[in-house]
C-alpha atoms as a PDB file:
ATOM      1  CA  MET A   1     129.562  80.179 169.084  1.00  0.00           C
ATOM      2  CA  ASP A   2     131.229  82.156 166.431  1.00  0.00           C
ATOM      3  CA  SER A   3     129.365  81.160 163.050  1.00  0.00           C
ATOM      4  CA  GLU A   4     132.661  80.680 161.060  1.00  0.00           C
ATOM      5  CA  SER A   5     133.722  78.073 163.369  1.00  0.00           C
ATOM      6  CA  PHE A   6     130.319  76.181 163.556  1.00  0.00           C
ATOM      7  CA  ARG A   7     128.504  74.509 160.331  1.00  0.00           C
ATOM      8  CA  ARG A   8     125.117  72.898 160.140  1.00  0.00           C
ATOM      9  CA  VAL A   9     124.976  69.757 158.225  1.00  0.00           C
ATOM     10  CA  ALA A  10     122.017  68.591 155.835  1.00  0.00           C
ATOM     11  CA  ILE A  11     122.309  65.006 154.675  1.00  0.00           C
ATOM     12  CA  PRO A  12     119.706  62.574 152.815  1.00  0.00           C
ATOM     13  CA  HIS A  13     118.501  59.615 154.202  1.00  0.00           C
ATOM     14  CA  ASP A  14     120.063  57.056 151.674  1.00  0.00           C
ATOM     15  CA  VAL A  15     123.500  57.707 150.696  1.00  0.00           C
ATOM     16  CA  LYS A  16     124.261  54.684 148.544  1.00  0.00           C
ATOM     17  CA  PRO A  17     128.064  54.224 146.981  1.00  0.00           C
ATOM     18  CA  ARG A  18     128.312  53.615 143.109  1.00  0.00           C
ATOM     19  CA  ALA A  19     130.945  51.398 141.708  1.00  0.00           C
ATOM     20  CA  MET A  20     134.069  53.088 140.657  1.00  0.00           C
ATOM     21  CA  PRO A  21     135.635  52.301 137.070  1.00  0.00           C
ATOM     22  CA  ALA A  22     138.813  50.333 137.282  1.00  0.00           C
ATOM     23  CA  GLY A  23     141.968  52.746 137.657  1.00  0.00           C
ATOM     24  CA  ALA A  24     139.568  55.683 138.773  1.00  0.00           C
ATOM     25  CA  SER A  25     141.139  58.884 139.899  1.00  0.00           C
ATOM     26  CA  LEU A  26     139.728  62.268 140.518  1.00  0.00           C
ATOM     27  CA  GLN A  27     139.560  64.309 137.145  1.00  0.00           C
ATOM     28  CA  ILE A  28     138.774  67.771 137.168  1.00  0.00           C
ATOM     29  CA  LEU A  29     137.565  69.998 134.228  1.00  0.00           C
ATOM     30  CA  ALA A  30     136.944  73.712 134.348  1.00  0.00           C
ATOM     31  CA  GLY A  31     136.152  76.629 132.255  1.00  0.00           C
ATOM     32  CA  GLN A  32     134.079  79.707 131.298  1.00  0.00           C
ATOM     33  CA  THR A  33     130.509  79.894 129.844  1.00  0.00           C
ATOM     34  CA  MET A  34     127.423  81.790 130.455  1.00  0.00           C
ATOM     35  CA  GLY A  35     129.285  84.644 131.848  1.00  0.00           C
ATOM     36  CA  THR A  36     130.337  82.705 134.861  1.00  0.00           C
ATOM     37  CA  SER A  37     132.742  79.796 135.502  1.00  0.00           C
ATOM     38  CA  TRP A  38     132.037  76.016 135.412  1.00  0.00           C
ATOM     39  CA  SER A  39     133.636  72.712 136.824  1.00  0.00           C
ATOM     40  CA  VAL A  40     133.290  69.102 136.733  1.00  0.00           C
ATOM     41  CA  ARG A  41     134.848  66.575 139.166  1.00  0.00           C
ATOM     42  CA  PHE A  42     134.627  62.909 138.635  1.00  0.00           C
ATOM     43  CA  TYR A  43     136.143  59.756 139.135  1.00  0.00           C
ATOM     44  CA  GLY A  44     137.369  58.167 135.970  1.00  0.00           C
ATOM     45  CA  THR A  45     140.622  57.654 133.909  1.00  0.00           C
ATOM     46  CA  ALA A  46     142.573  60.255 132.241  1.00  0.00           C
ATOM     47  CA  ALA A  47     141.643  59.034 128.923  1.00  0.00           C
ATOM     48  CA  ALA A  48     137.881  59.847 130.014  1.00  0.00           C
ATOM     49  CA  ARG A  49     138.902  63.121 131.139  1.00  0.00           C
ATOM     50  CA  GLU A  50     139.776  64.231 127.507  1.00  0.00           C
ATOM     51  CA  THR A  51     136.780  62.587 125.806  1.00  0.00           C
ATOM     52  CA  LEU A  52     134.676  64.339 128.581  1.00  0.00           C
ATOM     53  CA  ASN A  53     136.043  68.003 128.013  1.00  0.00           C
ATOM     54  CA  ARG A  54     134.819  67.757 124.631  1.00  0.00           C
ATOM     55  CA  ALA A  55     131.400  66.508 125.300  1.00  0.00           C
ATOM     56  CA  VAL A  56     130.883  69.076 128.271  1.00  0.00           C
ATOM     57  CA  GLN A  57     131.811  71.623 125.869  1.00  0.00           C
ATOM     58  CA  ARG A  58     129.073  70.550 123.364  1.00  0.00           C
ATOM     59  CA  CYS A  59     126.645  70.547 126.176  1.00  0.00           C
ATOM     60  CA  LEU A  60     127.374  74.158 127.372  1.00  0.00           C
ATOM     61  CA  ASP A  61     127.470  75.438 123.666  1.00  0.00           C
ATOM     62  CA  LEU A  62     124.114  74.086 123.002  1.00  0.00           C
ATOM     63  CA  VAL A  63     122.599  75.815 125.767  1.00  0.00           C
ATOM     64  CA  VAL A  64     124.028  78.891 124.768  1.00  0.00           C
ATOM     65  CA  ASN A  65     123.069  78.586 121.099  1.00  0.00           C
ATOM     66  CA  GLN A  66     119.396  77.962 122.192  1.00  0.00           C
ATOM     67  CA  MET A  67     118.727  80.199 125.296  1.00  0.00           C
ATOM     68  CA  SER A  68     121.237  83.035 125.567  1.00  0.00           C
ATOM     69  CA  LEU A  69     119.794  86.466 125.325  1.00  0.00           C
ATOM     70  CA  TRP A  70     123.567  87.778 124.613  1.00  0.00           C
ATOM     71  CA  GLU A  71     123.577  85.503 121.323  1.00  0.00           C
ATOM     72  CA  PRO A  72     121.447  87.507 118.698  1.00  0.00           C
ATOM     73  CA  GLU A  73     121.064  84.198 116.695  1.00  0.00           C
ATOM     74  CA  SER A  74     119.821  82.252 119.711  1.00  0.00           C
ATOM     75  CA  ASP A  75     116.448  80.133 119.422  1.00  0.00           C
ATOM     76  CA  ILE A  76     115.484  82.475 122.493  1.00  0.00           C
ATOM     77  CA  SER A  77     116.533  85.628 120.589  1.00  0.00           C
ATOM     78  CA  ARG A  78     115.108  84.918 117.221  1.00  0.00           C
ATOM     79  CA  LEU A  79     111.524  83.761 119.264  1.00  0.00           C
ATOM     80  CA  ASN A  80     111.670  87.410 120.929  1.00  0.00           C
ATOM     81  CA  ARG A  81     112.198  89.181 117.499  1.00  0.00           C
ATOM     82  CA  GLN A  82     109.151  87.445 115.820  1.00  0.00           C
ATOM     83  CA  PRO A  83     105.802  89.047 115.559  1.00  0.00           C
ATOM     84  CA  PRO A  84     103.561  87.706 118.336  1.00  0.00           C
ATOM     85  CA  GLY A  85     101.479  84.996 116.933  1.00  0.00           C
ATOM     86  CA  SER A  86     104.313  83.207 114.904  1.00  0.00           C
ATOM     87  CA  TRP A  87     105.476  79.946 115.926  1.00  0.00           C
ATOM     88  CA  LEU A  88     108.897  78.910 116.171  1.00  0.00           C
ATOM     89  CA  ASN A  89     109.798  75.334 116.089  1.00  0.00           C
ATOM     90  CA  ILE A  90     112.149  74.185 118.948  1.00  0.00           C
ATOM     91  CA  ALA A  91     114.771  71.774 119.732  1.00  0.00           C
ATOM     92  CA  ALA A  92     114.129  69.075 122.550  1.00  0.00           C
ATOM     93  CA  GLU A  93     116.159  70.936 124.974  1.00  0.00           C
ATOM     94  CA  PHE A  94     114.404  74.278 124.631  1.00  0.00           C
ATOM     95  CA  ASP A  95     111.309  72.130 124.724  1.00  0.00           C
ATOM     96  CA  ALA A  96     112.254  70.834 128.122  1.00  0.00           C
ATOM     97  CA  VAL A  97     112.945  74.248 129.845  1.00  0.00           C
ATOM     98  CA  THR A  98     109.792  75.610 128.398  1.00  0.00           C
ATOM     99  CA  THR A  99     107.891  73.056 129.588  1.00  0.00           C
ATOM    100  CA  ALA A 100     109.193  73.211 133.188  1.00  0.00           C
ATOM    101  CA  ALA A 101     109.058  76.944 132.960  1.00  0.00           C
ATOM    102  CA  LEU A 102     105.447  77.351 132.499  1.00  0.00           C
ATOM    103  CA  ARG A 103     104.591  74.351 135.049  1.00  0.00           C
ATOM    104  CA  ILE A 104     106.735  76.284 137.763  1.00  0.00           C
ATOM    105  CA  ALA A 105     105.083  79.422 136.711  1.00  0.00           C
ATOM    106  CA  ARG A 106     101.873  77.814 137.408  1.00  0.00           C
ATOM    107  CA  LEU A 107     102.840  76.070 140.764  1.00  0.00           C
ATOM    108  CA  THR A 108     104.270  79.304 141.870  1.00  0.00           C
ATOM    109  CA  GLY A 109     101.457  81.811 141.156  1.00  0.00           C
ATOM    110  CA  GLY A 110     103.707  83.495 138.749  1.00  0.00           C
ATOM    111  CA  THR A 111     106.382  84.606 141.065  1.00  0.00           C
ATOM    112  CA  PHE A 112     108.731  82.862 138.557  1.00  0.00           C
ATOM    113  CA  ASP A 113     108.002  84.303 135.171  1.00  0.00           C
ATOM    114  CA  PRO A 114     109.826  83.157 132.049  1.00  0.00           C
ATOM    115  CA  THR A 115     108.412  86.380 130.288  1.00  0.00           C
ATOM    116  CA  VAL A 116     110.378  88.880 132.538  1.00  0.00           C
ATOM    117  CA  GLY A 117     112.764  89.676 129.778  1.00  0.00           C
ATOM    118  CA  ARG A 118     111.817  93.631 128.889  1.00  0.00           C
ATOM    119  CA  LEU A 119     111.601  94.584 132.509  1.00  0.00           C
ATOM    120  CA  VAL A 120     114.899  92.837 133.244  1.00  0.00           C
ATOM    121  CA  ASN A 121     116.274  95.172 130.519  1.00  0.00           C
ATOM    122  CA  ARG A 122     114.616  98.242 131.702  1.00  0.00           C
ATOM    123  CA  TRP A 123     116.198  97.954 135.228  1.00  0.00           C
ATOM    124  CA  GLY A 124     119.648  97.664 133.779  1.00  0.00           C
ATOM    125  CA  PHE A 125     120.396  93.825 133.876  1.00  0.00           C
ATOM    126  CA  GLY A 126     119.802  92.622 130.505  1.00  0.00           C
ATOM    127  CA  PRO A 127     121.833  91.989 127.266  1.00  0.00           C
ATOM    128  CA  ALA A 128     119.988  95.277 125.868  1.00  0.00           C
ATOM    129  CA  ALA A 129     119.735  97.251 129.164  1.00  0.00           C
ATOM    130  CA  ASP A 130     118.090 100.503 128.760  1.00  0.00           C
ATOM    131  CA  GLY A 131     117.720 101.129 132.599  1.00  0.00           C
ATOM    132  CA  ALA A 132     117.667 104.819 132.514  1.00  0.00           C
ATOM    133  CA  GLN A 133     113.822 104.901 132.619  1.00  0.00           C
ATOM    134  CA  PRO A 134     111.903 102.330 134.864  1.00  0.00           C
ATOM    135  CA  PRO A 135     108.979 100.992 133.415  1.00  0.00           C
ATOM    136  CA  SER A 136     105.657 102.364 133.897  1.00  0.00           C
ATOM    137  CA  GLN A 137     102.570 100.384 135.664  1.00  0.00           C
ATOM    138  CA  HIS A 138     101.104 100.377 132.179  1.00  0.00           C
ATOM    139  CA  GLU A 139     104.438  99.145 130.630  1.00  0.00           C
ATOM    140  CA  THR A 140     104.684  96.450 133.189  1.00  0.00           C
ATOM    141  CA  ARG A 141     101.446  95.229 132.571  1.00  0.00           C
ATOM    142  CA  MET A 142     102.138  95.071 128.795  1.00  0.00           C
ATOM    143  CA  GLN A 143     105.179  93.774 128.888  1.00  0.00           C
ATOM    144  CA  ILE A 144     105.317  90.632 131.234  1.00  0.00           C
ATOM    145  CA  GLY A 145     102.866  87.496 131.654  1.00  0.00           C
ATOM    146  CA  TRP A 146     103.552  83.983 131.314  1.00  0.00           C
ATOM    147  CA  ARG A 147      99.946  83.322 129.874  1.00  0.00           C
ATOM    148  CA  GLN A 148     101.068  85.224 126.744  1.00  0.00           C
ATOM    149  CA  LEU A 149     103.393  82.207 125.998  1.00  0.00           C
ATOM    150  CA  GLU A 150     101.767  79.396 124.239  1.00  0.00           C
ATOM    151  CA  HIS A 151     103.519  75.914 124.090  1.00  0.00           C
ATOM    152  CA  ASP A 152     102.641  73.166 121.557  1.00  0.00           C
ATOM    153  CA  ALA A 153     104.274  70.156 123.407  1.00  0.00           C
ATOM    154  CA  VAL A 154     103.066  67.592 120.661  1.00  0.00           C
ATOM    155  CA  GLY A 155     104.349  69.891 117.682  1.00  0.00           C
ATOM    156  CA  ARG A 156     107.543  71.128 119.603  1.00  0.00           C
ATOM    157  CA  ARG A 157     106.721  74.739 119.093  1.00  0.00           C
ATOM    158  CA  VAL A 158     106.117  77.875 120.675  1.00  0.00           C
ATOM    159  CA  ARG A 159     104.866  81.461 120.217  1.00  0.00           C
ATOM    160  CA  ARG A 160     104.303  84.604 122.064  1.00  0.00           C
ATOM    161  CA  LEU A 161     100.626  85.947 121.924  1.00  0.00           C
ATOM    162  CA  ALA A 162     101.783  89.631 123.235  1.00  0.00           C
ATOM    163  CA  PRO A 163     105.096  91.418 122.803  1.00  0.00           C
ATOM    164  CA  VAL A 164     106.701  89.888 125.729  1.00  0.00           C
ATOM    165  CA  SER A 165     110.295  89.045 125.984  1.00  0.00           C
ATOM    166  CA  LEU A 166     111.067  85.273 126.814  1.00  0.00           C
ATOM    167  CA  ASP A 167     113.904  84.905 129.457  1.00  0.00           C
ATOM    168  CA  PHE A 168     115.521  81.831 130.785  1.00  0.00           C
ATOM    169  CA  ASN A 169     118.156  83.356 132.897  1.00  0.00           C
ATOM    170  CA  GLY A 170     116.542  81.822 135.818  1.00  0.00           C
ATOM    171  CA  ILE A 171     116.352  78.300 134.678  1.00  0.00           C
ATOM    172  CA  ALA A 172     118.814  77.573 131.810  1.00  0.00           C
ATOM    173  CA  LYS A 173     121.687  77.483 134.284  1.00  0.00           C
ATOM    174  CA  GLY A 174     120.401  74.585 136.141  1.00  0.00           C
ATOM    175  CA  PHE A 175     119.344  72.985 133.113  1.00  0.00           C
ATOM    176  CA  ALA A 176     123.046  73.162 131.742  1.00  0.00           C
ATOM    177  CA  VAL A 177     124.111  71.585 135.018  1.00  0.00           C
ATOM    178  CA  ASP A 178     121.392  68.629 134.386  1.00  0.00           C
ATOM    179  CA  LEU A 179     122.716  68.407 130.911  1.00  0.00           C
ATOM    180  CA  VAL A 180     125.866  67.824 131.789  1.00  0.00           C
ATOM    181  CA  MET A 181     125.503  65.239 134.613  1.00  0.00           C
ATOM    182  CA  THR A 182     123.246  63.192 132.045  1.00  0.00           C
ATOM    183  CA  THR A 183     125.995  63.638 129.980  1.00  0.00           C
ATOM    184  CA  LEU A 184     128.705  62.038 132.613  1.00  0.00           C
ATOM    185  CA  ARG A 185     126.202  59.318 133.133  1.00  0.00           C
ATOM    186  CA  GLN A 186     125.787  58.425 129.446  1.00  0.00           C
ATOM    187  CA  HIS A 187     129.748  58.094 129.424  1.00  0.00           C
ATOM    188  CA  GLY A 188     129.546  55.562 132.195  1.00  0.00           C
ATOM    189  CA  LEU A 189     130.494  58.008 135.001  1.00  0.00           C
ATOM    190  CA  HIS A 190     128.390  57.970 138.040  1.00  0.00           C
ATOM    191  CA  ASN A 191     130.150  59.524 140.642  1.00  0.00           C
ATOM    192  CA  ALA A 192     130.663  63.290 139.731  1.00  0.00           C
ATOM    193  CA  LEU A 193     129.942  67.055 141.118  1.00  0.00           C
ATOM    194  CA  VAL A 194     128.778  69.493 138.496  1.00  0.00           C
ATOM    195  CA  GLU A 195     128.837  73.081 138.894  1.00  0.00           C
ATOM    196  CA  ILE A 196     128.223  76.016 136.581  1.00  0.00           C
ATOM    197  CA  GLY A 197     127.878  79.538 138.341  1.00  0.00           C
ATOM    198  CA  GLY A 198     127.179  78.029 141.863  1.00  0.00           C
ATOM    199  CA  GLU A 199     124.467  75.603 140.873  1.00  0.00           C
ATOM    200  CA  LEU A 200     125.591  72.224 141.589  1.00  0.00           C
ATOM    201  CA  SER A 201     124.488  68.632 140.872  1.00  0.00           C
ATOM    202  CA  GLY A 202     126.132  65.656 142.845  1.00  0.00           C
ATOM    203  CA  ALA A 203     125.959  62.210 142.051  1.00  0.00           C
ATOM    204  CA  GLY A 204     127.504  58.941 143.389  1.00  0.00           C
ATOM    205  CA  THR A 205     130.085  59.515 146.078  1.00  0.00           C
ATOM    206  CA  LYS A 206     133.944  59.399 146.642  1.00  0.00           C
ATOM    207  CA  PRO A 207     135.808  56.350 146.932  1.00  0.00           C
ATOM    208  CA  ASP A 208     135.680  56.288 150.655  1.00  0.00           C
ATOM    209  CA  GLY A 209     131.804  56.206 150.331  1.00  0.00           C
ATOM    210  CA  SER A 210     131.554  59.663 151.663  1.00  0.00           C
ATOM    211  CA  PRO A 211     129.035  62.077 149.652  1.00  0.00           C
ATOM    212  CA  TRP A 212     129.907  65.356 147.834  1.00  0.00           C
ATOM    213  CA  TRP A 213     129.904  68.140 150.300  1.00  0.00           C
ATOM    214  CA  VAL A 214     128.817  71.543 149.390  1.00  0.00           C
ATOM    215  CA  ASP A 215     128.974  74.653 151.618  1.00  0.00           C
ATOM    216  CA  VAL A 216     125.966  77.329 151.163  1.00  0.00           C
ATOM    217  CA  GLU A 217     127.256  80.956 152.585  1.00  0.00           C
ATOM    218  CA  ALA A 218     124.863  83.407 150.701  1.00  0.00           C
ATOM    219  CA  ARG A 219     126.463  86.830 151.308  1.00  0.00           C
ATOM    220  CA  ASP A 220     124.324  90.121 151.367  1.00  0.00           C
ATOM    221  CA  LEU A 221     124.664  93.392 149.400  1.00  0.00           C
ATOM    222  CA  ASP A 222     127.147  94.506 151.862  1.00  0.00           C
ATOM    223  CA  GLY A 223     129.240  91.107 151.658  1.00  0.00           C
ATOM    224  CA  GLY A 224     128.327  89.943 155.183  1.00  0.00           C
ATOM    225  CA  LEU A 225     127.201  86.235 156.150  1.00  0.00           C
ATOM    226  CA  PRO A 226     123.552  85.912 157.235  1.00  0.00           C
ATOM    227  CA  GLY A 227     124.180  83.129 159.900  1.00  0.00           C
ATOM    228  CA  ALA A 228     126.045  80.156 160.329  1.00  0.00           C
ATOM    229  CA  PRO A 229     127.110  78.367 156.945  1.00  0.00           C
ATOM    230  CA  LEU A 230     125.509  75.315 155.745  1.00  0.00           C
ATOM    231  CA  ARG A 231     127.163  72.045 154.716  1.00  0.00           C
ATOM    232  CA  ILE A 232     124.922  69.765 152.376  1.00  0.00           C
ATOM    233  CA  ALA A 233     125.619  66.455 151.129  1.00  0.00           C
ATOM    234  CA  LEU A 234     124.561  65.952 147.579  1.00  0.00           C
ATOM    235  CA  HIS A 235     123.811  62.580 146.539  1.00  0.00           C
ATOM    236  CA  GLU A 236     121.640  62.128 143.336  1.00  0.00           C
ATOM    237  CA  SER A 237     120.287  65.595 143.777  1.00  0.00           C
ATOM    238  CA  ALA A 238     121.172  69.451 142.976  1.00  0.00           C
ATOM    239  CA  ILE A 239     121.142  72.691 144.635  1.00  0.00           C
ATOM    240  CA  ALA A 240     120.653  76.210 143.511  1.00  0.00           C
ATOM    241  CA  THR A 241     120.656  79.542 145.221  1.00  0.00           C
ATOM    242  CA  SER A 242     119.272  82.780 143.837  1.00  0.00           C
ATOM    243  CA  GLY A 243     120.570  85.661 145.816  1.00  0.00           C
ATOM    244  CA  CYS A 244     121.493  89.396 145.764  1.00  0.00           C
ATOM    245  CA  GLU A 245     124.917  89.356 144.423  1.00  0.00           C
ATOM    246  CA  ARG A 246     124.034  91.338 141.301  1.00  0.00           C
ATOM    247  CA  HIS A 247     122.610  94.911 141.805  1.00  0.00           C
ATOM    248  CA  VAL A 248     122.292  98.302 140.356  1.00  0.00           C
ATOM    249  CA  LEU A 249     122.709 101.550 142.381  1.00  0.00           C
ATOM    250  CA  ARG A 250     119.895 104.009 141.499  1.00  0.00           C
ATOM    251  CA  ASP A 251     119.364 107.331 143.813  1.00  0.00           C
ATOM    252  CA  GLY A 252     121.926 105.631 146.069  1.00  0.00           C
ATOM    253  CA  GLN A 253     119.961 102.447 146.708  1.00  0.00           C
ATOM    254  CA  ALA A 254     121.022  99.108 145.807  1.00  0.00           C
ATOM    255  CA  LEU A 255     118.276  97.377 143.564  1.00  0.00           C
ATOM    256  CA  SER A 256     118.190  93.488 143.250  1.00  0.00           C
ATOM    257  CA  HIS A 257     118.432  91.900 139.638  1.00  0.00           C
ATOM    258  CA  THR A 258     115.353  89.678 140.853  1.00  0.00           C
ATOM    259  CA  ILE A 259     112.158  91.330 139.263  1.00  0.00           C
ATOM    260  CA  ASP A 260     108.956  90.698 140.949  1.00  0.00           C
ATOM    261  CA  PRO A 261     106.665  90.153 138.075  1.00  0.00           C
ATOM    262  CA  ALA A 262     103.635  91.291 139.848  1.00  0.00           C
ATOM    263  CA  THR A 263     105.023  94.848 140.310  1.00  0.00           C
ATOM    264  CA  GLY A 264     107.682  95.014 137.563  1.00  0.00           C
ATOM    265  CA  ARG A 265     110.259  96.296 140.143  1.00  0.00           C
ATOM    266  CA  PRO A 266     113.302  94.867 141.924  1.00  0.00           C
ATOM    267  CA  ILE A 267     112.310  92.708 144.796  1.00  0.00           C
ATOM    268  CA  ALA A 268     112.136  94.690 148.346  1.00  0.00           C
ATOM    269  CA  ASN A 269     110.923  91.852 150.592  1.00  0.00           C
ATOM    270  CA  ARG A 270     114.180  91.694 152.844  1.00  0.00           C
ATOM    271  CA  THR A 271     115.123  88.232 151.264  1.00  0.00           C
ATOM    272  CA  ILE A 272     118.886  87.926 150.905  1.00  0.00           C
ATOM    273  CA  ALA A 273     119.135  84.532 149.450  1.00  0.00           C
ATOM    274  CA  ALA A 274     116.743  81.424 148.471  1.00  0.00           C
ATOM    275  CA  THR A 275     118.399  78.003 148.546  1.00  0.00           C
ATOM    276  CA  VAL A 276     116.447  74.826 146.989  1.00  0.00           C
ATOM    277  CA  LEU A 277     117.331  71.198 146.833  1.00  0.00           C
ATOM    278  CA  HIS A 278     115.995  69.350 143.961  1.00  0.00           C
ATOM    279  CA  ARG A 279     116.876  66.131 142.137  1.00  0.00           C
ATOM    280  CA  SER A 280     116.945  68.404 139.087  1.00  0.00           C
ATOM    281  CA  CYS A 281     119.124  71.467 139.025  1.00  0.00           C
ATOM    282  CA  MET A 282     116.754  73.044 136.446  1.00  0.00           C
ATOM    283  CA  GLU A 283     114.008  72.936 138.822  1.00  0.00           C
ATOM    284  CA  ALA A 284     115.864  73.999 141.769  1.00  0.00           C
ATOM    285  CA  ASP A 285     117.384  77.035 139.936  1.00  0.00           C
ATOM    286  CA  ALA A 286     113.678  78.273 138.956  1.00  0.00           C
ATOM    287  CA  PHE A 287     112.078  77.337 142.341  1.00  0.00           C
ATOM    288  CA  ALA A 288     114.838  79.499 143.983  1.00  0.00           C
ATOM    289  CA  THR A 289     114.188  82.613 141.902  1.00  0.00           C
ATOM    290  CA  ALA A 290     110.382  82.001 142.782  1.00  0.00           C
ATOM    291  CA  PHE A 291     111.098  81.974 146.373  1.00  0.00           C
ATOM    292  CA  MET A 292     113.201  85.070 146.298  1.00  0.00           C
ATOM    293  CA  VAL A 293     110.199  86.924 144.945  1.00  0.00           C
ATOM    294  CA  MET A 294     107.744  85.751 147.588  1.00  0.00           C
ATOM    295  CA  GLU A 295     107.088  86.957 150.858  1.00  0.00           C
ATOM    296  CA  PRO A 296     109.299  84.938 153.308  1.00  0.00           C
ATOM    297  CA  ASN A 297     106.458  83.033 154.919  1.00  0.00           C
ATOM    298  CA  ALA A 298     104.640  82.446 151.607  1.00  0.00           C
ATOM    299  CA  ALA A 299     107.862  80.982 150.279  1.00  0.00           C
ATOM    300  CA  ILE A 300     107.947  78.515 153.085  1.00  0.00           C
ATOM    301  CA  ASP A 301     104.496  77.834 152.917  1.00  0.00           C
ATOM    302  CA  CYS A 302     104.751  77.072 149.173  1.00  0.00           C
ATOM    303  CA  ALA A 303     107.929  74.879 149.798  1.00  0.00           C
ATOM    304  CA  ASP A 304     106.102  72.842 152.220  1.00  0.00           C
ATOM    305  CA  ARG A 305     103.047  72.124 149.891  1.00  0.00           C
ATOM    306  CA  LEU A 306     105.562  71.132 147.411  1.00  0.00           C
ATOM    307  CA  GLU A 307     107.692  69.237 149.985  1.00  0.00           C
ATOM    308  CA  LEU A 308     110.789  71.160 149.039  1.00  0.00           C
ATOM    309  CA  PRO A 309     114.033  71.344 150.977  1.00  0.00           C
ATOM    310  CA  VAL A 310     114.168  75.073 151.210  1.00  0.00           C
ATOM    311  CA  ILE A 311     116.177  77.611 153.268  1.00  0.00           C
ATOM    312  CA  ILE A 312     115.115  81.433 153.079  1.00  0.00           C
ATOM    313  CA  ARG A 313     117.908  83.796 154.558  1.00  0.00           C
ATOM    314  CA  LEU A 314     116.329  87.468 155.453  1.00  0.00           C
ATOM    315  CA  ARG A 315     117.735  90.672 156.549  1.00  0.00           C
ATOM    316  CA  ASN A 316     116.146  93.175 159.097  1.00  0.00           C
ATOM    317  CA  PRO A 317     117.866  96.385 158.331  1.00  0.00           C
ATOM    318  CA  GLU A 318     116.198  98.029 161.221  1.00  0.00           C
ATOM    319  CA  ARG A 319     117.676  95.982 163.550  1.00  0.00           C
ATOM    320  CA  ASN A 320     120.932  95.324 161.720  1.00  0.00           C
ATOM    321  CA  GLU A 321     120.433  91.595 161.898  1.00  0.00           C
ATOM    322  CA  THR A 322     119.784  88.505 159.764  1.00  0.00           C
ATOM    323  CA  SER A 323     117.391  85.603 160.354  1.00  0.00           C
ATOM    324  CA  GLU A 324     116.310  82.521 158.305  1.00  0.00           C
ATOM    325  CA  ARG A 325     113.143  80.479 157.555  1.00  0.00           C
ATOM    326  CA  ILE A 326     113.622  76.601 156.848  1.00  0.00           C
ATOM    327  CA  SER A 327     111.044  74.221 155.287  1.00  0.00           C
ATOM    328  CA  SER A 328     109.738  71.081 157.032  1.00  0.00           C
ATOM    329  CA  VAL A 329     111.739  68.918 154.845  1.00  0.00           C
ATOM    330  CA  MET A 330     115.161  70.831 155.215  1.00  0.00           C
ATOM    331  CA  ARG A 331     114.331  70.803 158.866  1.00  0.00           C
ATOM    332  CA  GLU A 332     114.376  67.012 158.669  1.00  0.00           C
ATOM    333  CA  MET A 333     117.510  66.889 156.862  1.00  0.00           C
ATOM    334  CA  LEU A 334     119.392  69.138 159.410  1.00  0.00           C
ATOM    335  CA  ALA A 335     117.850  66.995 162.576  1.00  0.00           C
END
């Protein structure tokens, strides 16, 4: 059957409708942030829409001001300029992302590494990209290592122990989705879909009791679809996909923007995309990056160990075909 006319469906086991505000109708907000687009869909009143528009923008500005490498005076940029060993006091949001980043680095054996910033630049993907000369093996060893980041959770401060460069690009967008969703709930809005650059979180349902449907169609470097599209019901859950959409050409070869911390080079493991479901979009975002780096079977083994719904899409260039690996929890959702 043609994959364009067939969709697989993944549904959580317990979709429970939430009460709708009186006079609620679908409200849509949208804009630009972090070099990409964002949108919020929720059921509420027109008056709530104006209030939420300002509140959402404050959330997005907060994340940019704390975690954007493209902002010279952001907290993360200031930390990267400080001499190693110097503590930086951090806000609660930065603290939460640091905590999650280091925990996920441990859980994934360092395939997610928040200190990959210098290597990202050297390969031409960062704000100070100087990718004319890829890093040597010696430079790679000196310029990366999540254990070189020390986090004082009690004092809410962080410091680098070596000249590594902190980079939250693989987790901050997901955190921003969570922050916006939390803001909606604080305003009494519990039926919503939040999206930032393809990372999504869904809460509640639509008025007819149906969930928020999200289609996952990861494309490879040539723009082809690697198999039947996947339709997922987002209900009190989030989804993030890490893929090969961004790349640079070097010697006629397309190189992925995802860097393998172990080699210091763009990944070359046949993985086209990794999609992760989680209650936290921040966690889904980081795990998706980690699973892009891992060998496919290792990624599924890790996902099964952590009981995460995951789908890994692969490309076999020798046979000009694609395939996929699915974690046990995801397989149950598709059954």
